[in-house]
PDB file of N, CA and C in Angstrom:
ATOM      1  N   MET A   1       0.100  38.471 -58.002  1.00  0.00           N
ATOM      2  CA  MET A   1       1.341  37.271 -57.464  1.00  0.00           C
ATOM      3  C   MET A   1      -0.453  37.209 -56.297  1.00  0.00           C
ATOM      4  N   HIS A   2      -0.516  36.306 -55.946  1.00  0.00           N
ATOM      5  CA  HIS A   2      -1.225  35.475 -54.795  1.00  0.00           C
ATOM      6  C   HIS A   2      -0.739  36.027 -53.450  1.00  0.00           C
ATOM      7  N   LYS A   3      -1.902  36.529 -52.838  1.00  0.00           N
ATOM      8  CA  LYS A   3      -1.424  36.771 -51.511  1.00  0.00           C
ATOM      9  C   LYS A   3      -1.355  35.626 -50.965  1.00  0.00           C
ATOM     10  N   MET A   4      -0.394  35.266 -50.020  1.00  0.00           N
ATOM     11  CA  MET A   4      -0.329  34.263 -48.915  1.00  0.00           C
ATOM     12  C   MET A   4      -0.845  34.312 -47.711  1.00  0.00           C
ATOM     13  N   GLU A   5      -1.976  33.781 -47.251  1.00  0.00           N
ATOM     14  CA  GLU A   5      -2.477  33.937 -46.356  1.00  0.00           C
ATOM     15  C   GLU A   5      -1.475  33.256 -44.956  1.00  0.00           C
ATOM     16  N   HIS A   6      -2.118  33.923 -43.638  1.00  0.00           N
ATOM     17  CA  HIS A   6      -1.357  33.360 -42.642  1.00  0.00           C
ATOM     18  C   HIS A   6      -2.813  32.465 -41.699  1.00  0.00           C
ATOM     19  N   ILE A   7      -1.786  31.040 -41.704  1.00  0.00           N
ATOM     20  CA  ILE A   7      -2.599  30.037 -41.380  1.00  0.00           C
ATOM     21  C   ILE A   7      -2.118  29.709 -40.277  1.00  0.00           C
ATOM     22  N   SER A   8      -2.629  29.746 -39.124  1.00  0.00           N
ATOM     23  CA  SER A   8      -2.027  29.071 -37.406  1.00  0.00           C
ATOM     24  C   SER A   8      -2.115  28.111 -37.896  1.00  0.00           C
ATOM     25  N   PRO A   9      -1.738  26.866 -36.654  1.00  0.00           N
ATOM     26  CA  PRO A   9      -2.203  25.528 -36.579  1.00  0.00           C
ATOM     27  C   PRO A   9      -3.396  25.797 -35.548  1.00  0.00           C
ATOM     28  N   PRO A  10      -3.541  24.503 -35.458  1.00  0.00           N
ATOM     29  CA  PRO A  10      -5.254  24.312 -34.595  1.00  0.00           C
ATOM     30  C   PRO A  10      -3.856  24.535 -33.046  1.00  0.00           C
ATOM     31  N   GLN A  11      -4.396  24.758 -32.054  1.00  0.00           N
ATOM     32  CA  GLN A  11      -4.058  24.867 -30.532  1.00  0.00           C
ATOM     33  C   GLN A  11      -4.379  23.739 -29.742  1.00  0.00           C
ATOM     34  N   ALA A  12      -3.623  22.919 -29.244  1.00  0.00           N
ATOM     35  CA  ALA A  12      -4.035  21.877 -28.338  1.00  0.00           C
ATOM     36  C   ALA A  12      -4.537  22.313 -27.498  1.00  0.00           C
ATOM     37  N   GLN A  13      -6.099  22.132 -27.170  1.00  0.00           N
ATOM     38  CA  GLN A  13      -6.177  22.822 -25.748  1.00  0.00           C
ATOM     39  C   GLN A  13      -5.704  20.890 -24.255  1.00  0.00           C
ATOM     40  N   PRO A  14      -5.468  22.313 -23.629  1.00  0.00           N
ATOM     41  CA  PRO A  14      -5.058  21.759 -22.328  1.00  0.00           C
ATOM     42  C   PRO A  14      -5.804  20.733 -21.810  1.00  0.00           C
ATOM     43  N   LYS A  15      -5.628  19.073 -21.181  1.00  0.00           N
ATOM     44  CA  LYS A  15      -6.683  18.478 -20.683  1.00  0.00           C
ATOM     45  C   LYS A  15      -7.050  18.671 -19.223  1.00  0.00           C
ATOM     46  N   PRO A  16      -8.166  18.951 -18.930  1.00  0.00           N
ATOM     47  CA  PRO A  16      -8.129  18.794 -18.041  1.00  0.00           C
ATOM     48  C   PRO A  16      -8.027  17.605 -16.628  1.00  0.00           C
ATOM     49  N   ARG A  17      -7.403  18.462 -15.812  1.00  0.00           N
ATOM     50  CA  ARG A  17      -6.741  17.341 -14.398  1.00  0.00           C
ATOM     51  C   ARG A  17      -8.205  16.012 -13.765  1.00  0.00           C
ATOM     52  N   LYS A  18      -7.792  14.897 -13.721  1.00  0.00           N
ATOM     53  CA  LYS A  18      -8.945  14.159 -12.626  1.00  0.00           C
ATOM     54  C   LYS A  18      -8.658  14.795 -11.398  1.00  0.00           C
ATOM     55  N   GLN A  19      -9.996  14.704 -10.705  1.00  0.00           N
ATOM     56  CA  GLN A  19      -9.695  15.547  -8.940  1.00  0.00           C
ATOM     57  C   GLN A  19      -9.349  13.731  -8.245  1.00  0.00           C
ATOM     58  N   THR A  20     -10.080  12.940  -9.260  1.00  0.00           N
ATOM     59  CA  THR A  20      -9.954  11.513  -8.396  1.00  0.00           C
ATOM     60  C   THR A  20      -8.648  11.029  -7.692  1.00  0.00           C
ATOM     61  N   GLN A  21      -7.394  11.637  -8.824  1.00  0.00           N
ATOM     62  CA  GLN A  21      -6.527  11.252  -8.910  1.00  0.00           C
ATOM     63  C   GLN A  21      -5.613  11.312  -7.116  1.00  0.00           C
ATOM     64  N   GLY A  22      -6.141  12.954  -6.897  1.00  0.00           N
ATOM     65  CA  GLY A  22      -5.402  13.309  -6.169  1.00  0.00           C
ATOM     66  C   GLY A  22      -6.023  13.017  -4.665  1.00  0.00           C
ATOM     67  N   VAL A  23      -7.156  12.436  -4.651  1.00  0.00           N
ATOM     68  CA  VAL A  23      -7.989  12.133  -3.288  1.00  0.00           C
ATOM     69  C   VAL A  23      -7.593  10.603  -3.478  1.00  0.00           C
ATOM     70  N   ARG A  24      -7.421   9.683  -4.165  1.00  0.00           N
ATOM     71  CA  ARG A  24      -7.204   8.591  -4.287  1.00  0.00           C
ATOM     72  C   ARG A  24      -5.282   8.713  -3.714  1.00  0.00           C
ATOM     73  N   LYS A  25      -4.646   9.200  -4.196  1.00  0.00           N
ATOM     74  CA  LYS A  25      -3.445   8.864  -3.163  1.00  0.00           C
ATOM     75  C   LYS A  25      -3.283   9.402  -2.104  1.00  0.00           C
ATOM     76  N   THR A  26      -4.146  10.316  -1.866  1.00  0.00           N
ATOM     77  CA  THR A  26      -4.092  10.523  -0.277  1.00  0.00           C
ATOM     78  C   THR A  26      -4.566   9.848   0.191  1.00  0.00           C
ATOM     79  N   ASP A  27      -6.218   8.877   0.063  1.00  0.00           N
ATOM     80  CA  ASP A  27      -6.845   8.041   0.631  1.00  0.00           C
ATOM     81  C   ASP A  27      -5.328   6.378   0.825  1.00  0.00           C
ATOM     82  N   SER A  28      -4.628   6.407  -0.152  1.00  0.00           N
ATOM     83  CA  SER A  28      -3.231   5.317  -0.286  1.00  0.00           C
ATOM     84  C   SER A  28      -2.412   6.046   1.058  1.00  0.00           C
ATOM     85  N   THR A  29      -2.256   6.970   1.114  1.00  0.00           N
ATOM     86  CA  THR A  29      -0.814   7.256   1.928  1.00  0.00           C
ATOM     87  C   THR A  29      -1.655   7.216   2.808  1.00  0.00           C
ATOM     88  N   GLU A  30      -2.638   7.866   3.629  1.00  0.00           N
ATOM     89  CA  GLU A  30      -3.231   7.587   4.551  1.00  0.00           C
ATOM     90  C   GLU A  30      -3.507   6.203   5.138  1.00  0.00           C
ATOM     91  N   SER A  31      -3.742   5.530   4.088  1.00  0.00           N
ATOM     92  CA  SER A  31      -4.176   3.596   4.658  1.00  0.00           C
ATOM     93  C   SER A  31      -2.293   3.175   5.221  1.00  0.00           C
ATOM     94  N   ILE A  32      -1.365   3.490   4.074  1.00  0.00           N
ATOM     95  CA  ILE A  32      -0.291   3.202   4.583  1.00  0.00           C
ATOM     96  C   ILE A  32       0.429   3.758   5.954  1.00  0.00           C
ATOM     97  N   LYS A  33       0.053   4.774   6.138  1.00  0.00           N
ATOM     98  CA  LYS A  33       0.271   5.208   7.252  1.00  0.00           C
ATOM     99  C   LYS A  33      -0.432   4.450   8.564  1.00  0.00           C
ATOM    100  N   GLU A  34      -1.591   4.595   8.487  1.00  0.00           N
ATOM    101  CA  GLU A  34      -2.365   3.922   9.946  1.00  0.00           C
ATOM    102  C   GLU A  34      -2.417   2.511  10.064  1.00  0.00           C
ATOM    103  N   PHE A  35      -2.472   1.363   8.566  1.00  0.00           N
ATOM    104  CA  PHE A  35      -2.343   0.188   8.636  1.00  0.00           C
ATOM    105  C   PHE A  35      -1.360  -0.192   8.123  1.00  0.00           C
ATOM    106  N   GLY A  36      -0.655   0.496   7.638  1.00  0.00           N
ATOM    107  CA  GLY A  36       1.101   0.021   6.833  1.00  0.00           C
ATOM    108  C   GLY A  36       0.309  -1.471   5.957  1.00  0.00           C
ATOM    109  N   GLN A  37      -0.490  -0.987   4.876  1.00  0.00           N
ATOM    110  CA  GLN A  37      -0.612  -1.678   3.642  1.00  0.00           C
ATOM    111  C   GLN A  37      -1.910  -0.735   3.025  1.00  0.00           C
ATOM    112  N   VAL A  38      -1.871  -1.158   1.819  1.00  0.00           N
ATOM    113  CA  VAL A  38      -2.091  -0.366   1.057  1.00  0.00           C
ATOM    114  C   VAL A  38      -4.060  -1.297   0.215  1.00  0.00           C
ATOM    115  N   ASP A  39      -5.118  -0.559   0.618  1.00  0.00           N
ATOM    116  CA  ASP A  39      -6.120  -1.363   0.190  1.00  0.00           C
ATOM    117  C   ASP A  39      -6.181  -1.498  -1.603  1.00  0.00           C
ATOM    118  N   VAL A  40      -6.328  -2.745  -1.535  1.00  0.00           N
ATOM    119  CA  VAL A  40      -6.565  -3.987  -2.109  1.00  0.00           C
ATOM    120  C   VAL A  40      -8.320  -3.937  -3.218  1.00  0.00           C
ATOM    121  N   PRO A  41      -8.570  -4.375  -4.338  1.00  0.00           N
ATOM    122  CA  PRO A  41      -9.551  -5.098  -4.142  1.00  0.00           C
ATOM    123  C   PRO A  41      -9.789  -6.012  -3.377  1.00  0.00           C
ATOM    124  N   THR A  42     -11.034  -5.841  -2.620  1.00  0.00           N
ATOM    125  CA  THR A  42     -11.792  -7.027  -2.139  1.00  0.00           C
ATOM    126  C   THR A  42     -12.036  -9.061  -2.687  1.00  0.00           C
ATOM    127  N   VAL A  43     -11.838  -9.139  -2.345  1.00  0.00           N
ATOM    128  CA  VAL A  43     -12.341 -10.514  -3.403  1.00  0.00           C
ATOM    129  C   VAL A  43     -12.403 -11.509  -2.111  1.00  0.00           C
ATOM    130  N   GLN A  44     -13.750 -12.238  -2.112  1.00  0.00           N
ATOM    131  CA  GLN A  44     -14.277 -13.092  -1.125  1.00  0.00           C
ATOM    132  C   GLN A  44     -13.432 -14.584  -1.087  1.00  0.00           C
ATOM    133  N   THR A  45     -12.980 -14.968  -0.298  1.00  0.00           N
ATOM    134  CA  THR A  45     -12.008 -16.241   0.219  1.00  0.00           C
ATOM    135  C   THR A  45     -11.510 -16.125   1.792  1.00  0.00           C
ATOM    136  N   ASN A  46     -11.305 -17.178   2.038  1.00  0.00           N
ATOM    137  CA  ASN A  46     -11.480 -18.043   3.139  1.00  0.00           C
ATOM    138  C   ASN A  46      -9.558 -17.707   3.714  1.00  0.00           C
ATOM    139  N   ILE A  47      -8.698 -17.377   3.181  1.00  0.00           N
ATOM    140  CA  ILE A  47      -7.436 -17.245   3.490  1.00  0.00           C
ATOM    141  C   ILE A  47      -7.421 -15.558   3.230  1.00  0.00           C
ATOM    142  N   HIS A  48      -6.588 -15.427   4.390  1.00  0.00           N
ATOM    143  CA  HIS A  48      -6.264 -14.264   4.975  1.00  0.00           C
ATOM    144  C   HIS A  48      -4.631 -14.155   4.275  1.00  0.00           C
ATOM    145  N   CYS A  49      -4.258 -12.882   3.460  1.00  0.00           N
ATOM    146  CA  CYS A  49      -2.745 -12.268   3.495  1.00  0.00           C
ATOM    147  C   CYS A  49      -1.879 -11.762   4.148  1.00  0.00           C
ATOM    148  N   LEU A  50      -0.956 -12.544   5.180  1.00  0.00           N
ATOM    149  CA  LEU A  50      -0.208 -11.369   5.760  1.00  0.00           C
ATOM    150  C   LEU A  50       1.046 -11.073   5.233  1.00  0.00           C
ATOM    151  N   THR A  51       1.160  -9.608   4.906  1.00  0.00           N
ATOM    152  CA  THR A  51       2.785  -9.518   5.142  1.00  0.00           C
ATOM    153  C   THR A  51       3.594  -8.883   6.137  1.00  0.00           C
ATOM    154  N   ILE A  52       4.785  -9.778   6.143  1.00  0.00           N
ATOM    155  CA  ILE A  52       5.453  -9.267   6.973  1.00  0.00           C
ATOM    156  C   ILE A  52       7.530  -8.831   6.235  1.00  0.00           C
ATOM    157  N   ILE A  53       7.612  -7.184   6.152  1.00  0.00           N
ATOM    158  CA  ILE A  53       8.255  -7.059   5.344  1.00  0.00           C
ATOM    159  C   ILE A  53       9.369  -6.319   6.768  1.00  0.00           C
ATOM    160  N   GLY A  54      11.007  -7.073   6.420  1.00  0.00           N
ATOM    161  CA  GLY A  54      11.775  -6.660   7.224  1.00  0.00           C
ATOM    162  C   GLY A  54      11.955  -7.255   8.495  1.00  0.00           C
ATOM    163  N   GLN A  55      12.466  -6.807   9.772  1.00  0.00           N
ATOM    164  CA  GLN A  55      11.567  -6.894  11.445  1.00  0.00           C
ATOM    165  C   GLN A  55      10.903  -6.249  11.663  1.00  0.00           C
ATOM    166  N   ILE A  56      10.273  -7.591  12.389  1.00  0.00           N
ATOM    167  CA  ILE A  56       9.303  -6.720  13.132  1.00  0.00           C
ATOM    168  C   ILE A  56       9.142  -5.676  14.436  1.00  0.00           C
ATOM    169  N   GLU A  57       9.777  -4.322  14.366  1.00  0.00           N
ATOM    170  CA  GLU A  57       9.278  -3.004  14.700  1.00  0.00           C
ATOM    171  C   GLU A  57       8.208  -3.126  16.498  1.00  0.00           C
ATOM    172  N   GLY A  58       9.173  -3.373  17.209  1.00  0.00           N
ATOM    173  CA  GLY A  58       8.075  -3.413  19.349  1.00  0.00           C
ATOM    174  C   GLY A  58       8.247  -2.349  19.928  1.00  0.00           C
ATOM    175  N   HIS A  59       8.936  -2.959  21.107  1.00  0.00           N
ATOM    176  CA  HIS A  59       9.414  -2.025  21.539  1.00  0.00           C
ATOM    177  C   HIS A  59      10.714  -1.134  21.778  1.00  0.00           C
ATOM    178  N   LEU A  60      11.319  -1.476  21.039  1.00  0.00           N
ATOM    179  CA  LEU A  60      12.710  -1.009  20.525  1.00  0.00           C
ATOM    180  C   LEU A  60      12.295   0.151  19.103  1.00  0.00           C
ATOM    181  N   ILE A  61      12.989   1.060  18.755  1.00  0.00           N
ATOM    182  CA  ILE A  61      13.190   1.760  17.903  1.00  0.00           C
ATOM    183  C   ILE A  61      14.497   1.456  16.958  1.00  0.00           C
ATOM    184  N   LEU A  62      14.254   1.173  15.919  1.00  0.00           N
ATOM    185  CA  LEU A  62      14.964   0.392  14.869  1.00  0.00           C
ATOM    186  C   LEU A  62      15.677   1.805  14.173  1.00  0.00           C
ATOM    187  N   PRO A  63      17.307   1.544  13.585  1.00  0.00           N
ATOM    188  CA  PRO A  63      17.425   2.954  12.697  1.00  0.00           C
ATOM    189  C   PRO A  63      16.542   3.073  11.764  1.00  0.00           C
ATOM    190  N   PRO A  64      16.403   4.270  11.148  1.00  0.00           N
ATOM    191  CA  PRO A  64      15.651   3.874   9.838  1.00  0.00           C
ATOM    192  C   PRO A  64      16.077   3.394   8.264  1.00  0.00           C
ATOM    193  N   GLN A  65      17.067   2.946   8.488  1.00  0.00           N
ATOM    194  CA  GLN A  65      17.682   2.218   7.570  1.00  0.00           C
ATOM    195  C   GLN A  65      17.029   1.108   7.279  1.00  0.00           C
ATOM    196  N   ASN A  66      17.115   0.516   8.645  1.00  0.00           N
ATOM    197  CA  ASN A  66      16.803  -1.013   8.763  1.00  0.00           C
ATOM    198  C   ASN A  66      14.711  -0.878   8.045  1.00  0.00           C
ATOM    199  N   LYS A  67      14.419  -2.450   7.388  1.00  0.00           N
ATOM    200  CA  LYS A  67      13.126  -2.207   6.883  1.00  0.00           C
ATOM    201  C   LYS A  67      12.348  -2.845   7.972  1.00  0.00           C
ATOM    202  N   THR A  68      11.306  -2.151   8.495  1.00  0.00           N
ATOM    203  CA  THR A  68      10.235  -3.061   9.528  1.00  0.00           C
ATOM    204  C   THR A  68       8.891  -2.936   9.300  1.00  0.00           C
ATOM    205  N   THR A  69       8.135  -3.755  10.160  1.00  0.00           N
ATOM    206  CA  THR A  69       6.999  -4.191   9.910  1.00  0.00           C
ATOM    207  C   THR A  69       6.672  -3.039  11.663  1.00  0.00           C
ATOM    208  N   LYS A  70       6.085  -2.293  11.364  1.00  0.00           N
ATOM    209  CA  LYS A  70       5.903  -2.198  13.364  1.00  0.00           C
ATOM    210  C   LYS A  70       4.413  -2.879  13.536  1.00  0.00           C
ATOM    211  N   TYR A  71       4.657  -3.888  15.107  1.00  0.00           N
ATOM    212  CA  TYR A  71       4.318  -4.635  15.918  1.00  0.00           C
ATOM    213  C   TYR A  71       2.340  -3.816  16.216  1.00  0.00           C
ATOM    214  N   GLU A  72       1.866  -2.665  16.075  1.00  0.00           N
ATOM    215  CA  GLU A  72       0.818  -2.349  16.185  1.00  0.00           C
ATOM    216  C   GLU A  72       0.422  -2.336  14.639  1.00  0.00           C
ATOM    217  N   HIS A  73       0.484  -2.665  13.537  1.00  0.00           N
ATOM    218  CA  HIS A  73       0.003  -2.749  12.279  1.00  0.00           C
ATOM    219  C   HIS A  73      -0.859  -4.478  12.371  1.00  0.00           C
ATOM    220  N   ILE A  74       0.526  -5.455  13.043  1.00  0.00           N
ATOM    221  CA  ILE A  74       0.689  -6.602  12.773  1.00  0.00           C
ATOM    222  C   ILE A  74      -0.668  -7.107  14.017  1.00  0.00           C
ATOM    223  N   ILE A  75      -0.687  -6.696  15.355  1.00  0.00           N
ATOM    224  CA  ILE A  75      -1.405  -7.063  15.980  1.00  0.00           C
ATOM    225  C   ILE A  75      -3.077  -7.010  16.246  1.00  0.00           C
ATOM    226  N   PRO A  76      -3.715  -5.776  15.165  1.00  0.00           N
ATOM    227  CA  PRO A  76      -5.262  -5.597  15.332  1.00  0.00           C
ATOM    228  C   PRO A  76      -5.313  -6.639  13.410  1.00  0.00           C
ATOM    229  N   GLN A  77      -4.459  -6.956  12.760  1.00  0.00           N
ATOM    230  CA  GLN A  77      -4.703  -7.819  12.164  1.00  0.00           C
ATOM    231  C   GLN A  77      -5.052  -8.620  12.060  1.00  0.00           C
ATOM    232  N   LEU A  78      -4.397  -9.833  13.438  1.00  0.00           N
ATOM    233  CA  LEU A  78      -4.161 -10.867  13.602  1.00  0.00           C
ATOM    234  C   LEU A  78      -5.437 -10.919  14.383  1.00  0.00           C
ATOM    235  N   VAL A  79      -5.709 -10.106  15.436  1.00  0.00           N
ATOM    236  CA  VAL A  79      -7.471 -10.125  16.436  1.00  0.00           C
ATOM    237  C   VAL A  79      -8.454 -10.386  15.412  1.00  0.00           C
ATOM    238  N   ALA A  80      -8.556  -9.289  13.799  1.00  0.00           N
ATOM    239  CA  ALA A  80      -9.697  -9.238  13.339  1.00  0.00           C
ATOM    240  C   ALA A  80      -9.568 -10.988  12.454  1.00  0.00           C
ATOM    241  N   ILE A  81      -8.753 -11.520  12.144  1.00  0.00           N
ATOM    242  CA  ILE A  81      -8.430 -12.837  11.323  1.00  0.00           C
ATOM    243  C   ILE A  81      -8.831 -13.332  12.360  1.00  0.00           C
ATOM    244  N   GLU A  82      -8.793 -13.773  13.886  1.00  0.00           N
ATOM    245  CA  GLU A  82      -9.092 -14.776  14.702  1.00  0.00           C
ATOM    246  C   GLU A  82     -10.491 -14.530  14.963  1.00  0.00           C
ATOM    247  N   GLN A  83     -10.768 -13.253  14.721  1.00  0.00           N
ATOM    248  CA  GLN A  83     -12.574 -12.794  15.179  1.00  0.00           C
ATOM    249  C   GLN A  83     -13.052 -13.405  14.108  1.00  0.00           C
ATOM    250  N   ASN A  84     -12.544 -13.222  12.666  1.00  0.00           N
ATOM    251  CA  ASN A  84     -13.991 -13.303  11.467  1.00  0.00           C
ATOM    252  C   ASN A  84     -14.011 -14.929  11.401  1.00  0.00           C
ATOM    253  N   PRO A  85     -15.028 -15.507  11.463  1.00  0.00           N
ATOM    254  CA  PRO A  85     -15.682 -16.701  11.092  1.00  0.00           C
ATOM    255  C   PRO A  85     -15.316 -16.562   9.537  1.00  0.00           C
ATOM    256  N   ASP A  86     -15.372 -16.095   8.637  1.00  0.00           N
ATOM    257  CA  ASP A  86     -14.822 -16.618   7.500  1.00  0.00           C
ATOM    258  C   ASP A  86     -13.982 -16.515   6.995  1.00  0.00           C
ATOM    259  N   ILE A  87     -12.605 -16.960   7.892  1.00  0.00           N
ATOM    260  CA  ILE A  87     -11.045 -17.008   7.409  1.00  0.00           C
ATOM    261  C   ILE A  87     -11.187 -18.119   8.436  1.00  0.00           C
ATOM    262  N   GLU A  88     -10.355 -19.026   7.228  1.00  0.00           N
ATOM    263  CA  GLU A  88      -9.988 -20.041   7.543  1.00  0.00           C
ATOM    264  C   GLU A  88      -8.645 -20.059   7.459  1.00  0.00           C
ATOM    265  N   GLY A  89      -7.259 -19.594   7.522  1.00  0.00           N
ATOM    266  CA  GLY A  89      -6.442 -19.783   7.146  1.00  0.00           C
ATOM    267  C   GLY A  89      -5.854 -18.660   6.660  1.00  0.00           C
ATOM    268  N   LEU A  90      -4.597 -18.768   6.886  1.00  0.00           N
ATOM    269  CA  LEU A  90      -3.830 -17.752   7.123  1.00  0.00           C
ATOM    270  C   LEU A  90      -2.221 -18.040   6.792  1.00  0.00           C
ATOM    271  N   LEU A  91      -2.249 -17.094   5.222  1.00  0.00           N
ATOM    272  CA  LEU A  91      -0.838 -16.868   4.519  1.00  0.00           C
ATOM    273  C   LEU A  91       0.002 -15.184   5.391  1.00  0.00           C
ATOM    274  N   ILE A  92       1.686 -16.537   5.639  1.00  0.00           N
ATOM    275  CA  ILE A  92       2.598 -15.192   6.119  1.00  0.00           C
ATOM    276  C   ILE A  92       3.767 -15.047   5.001  1.00  0.00           C
ATOM    277  N   ILE A  93       3.826 -13.439   4.347  1.00  0.00           N
ATOM    278  CA  ILE A  93       4.369 -13.851   3.766  1.00  0.00           C
ATOM    279  C   ILE A  93       5.495 -13.007   4.139  1.00  0.00           C
ATOM    280  N   LEU A  94       7.138 -13.652   4.613  1.00  0.00           N
ATOM    281  CA  LEU A  94       7.971 -12.788   5.142  1.00  0.00           C
ATOM    282  C   LEU A  94       8.889 -12.218   4.397  1.00  0.00           C
ATOM    283  N   ASN A  95       9.358 -11.242   3.722  1.00  0.00           N
ATOM    284  CA  ASN A  95      10.262 -10.061   3.295  1.00  0.00           C
ATOM    285  C   ASN A  95      11.070 -10.218   3.959  1.00  0.00           C
ATOM    286  N   THR A  96      12.289 -10.892   4.429  1.00  0.00           N
ATOM    287  CA  THR A  96      13.078 -10.326   5.418  1.00  0.00           C
ATOM    288  C   THR A  96      14.923 -11.120   4.537  1.00  0.00           C
ATOM    289  N   VAL A  97      14.989 -10.562   4.979  1.00  0.00           N
ATOM    290  CA  VAL A  97      16.634 -11.540   4.571  1.00  0.00           C
ATOM    291  C   VAL A  97      17.216 -12.485   5.585  1.00  0.00           C
ATOM    292  N   GLY A  98      16.503 -12.539   6.791  1.00  0.00           N
ATOM    293  CA  GLY A  98      17.167 -13.598   7.729  1.00  0.00           C
ATOM    294  C   GLY A  98      16.471 -14.848   7.868  1.00  0.00           C
ATOM    295  N   GLY A  99      15.198 -14.738   7.589  1.00  0.00           N
ATOM    296  CA  GLY A  99      13.630 -15.016   7.121  1.00  0.00           C
ATOM    297  C   GLY A  99      13.260 -14.992   8.724  1.00  0.00           C
ATOM    298  N   ASP A 100      12.367 -16.087   9.038  1.00  0.00           N
ATOM    299  CA  ASP A 100      11.832 -15.885  10.689  1.00  0.00           C
ATOM    300  C   ASP A 100      12.673 -15.372  11.753  1.00  0.00           C
ATOM    301  N   VAL A 101      13.412 -16.180  11.922  1.00  0.00           N
ATOM    302  CA  VAL A 101      14.437 -15.474  13.045  1.00  0.00           C
ATOM    303  C   VAL A 101      15.214 -13.944  13.321  1.00  0.00           C
ATOM    304  N   GLU A 102      15.130 -13.089  11.173  1.00  0.00           N
ATOM    305  CA  GLU A 102      14.973 -11.686  11.629  1.00  0.00           C
ATOM    306  C   GLU A 102      14.170 -10.491  11.326  1.00  0.00           C
ATOM    307  N   ALA A 103      13.199 -11.277  11.431  1.00  0.00           N
ATOM    308  CA  ALA A 103      11.953 -10.357  11.460  1.00  0.00           C
ATOM    309  C   ALA A 103      11.699 -10.533  13.037  1.00  0.00           C
ATOM    310  N   GLY A 104      11.766 -11.495  13.743  1.00  0.00           N
ATOM    311  CA  GLY A 104      11.608 -11.046  15.208  1.00  0.00           C
ATOM    312  C   GLY A 104      10.632 -12.168  15.474  1.00  0.00           C
ATOM    313  N   LEU A 105      10.073 -13.855  14.687  1.00  0.00           N
ATOM    314  CA  LEU A 105       9.601 -14.248  15.092  1.00  0.00           C
ATOM    315  C   LEU A 105       9.739 -15.774  16.168  1.00  0.00           C
TER     316      LEU A 105
END
């Protein structure tokens, strides 16, 4: 009789996690909290795109269920756009239910 040898299947080694993902996520989260936007790859262009989502929240604090863009996030961007000689145009994207009136413009 032949003896059956016990052969165990090869063990899969766990893949090491990349440290850059955690750092990247933290940077994105901080960017959203601080500036209201995510850092996207920069492309040389003479047109700046400014996105307004929901109402512009200023002196009145709106309920948490309302989508808002804080004016503290918009004003610094507008000043930077105005002072940058390379920017020749501004594209404002309104993502609101009622358009410019609902956004507070």
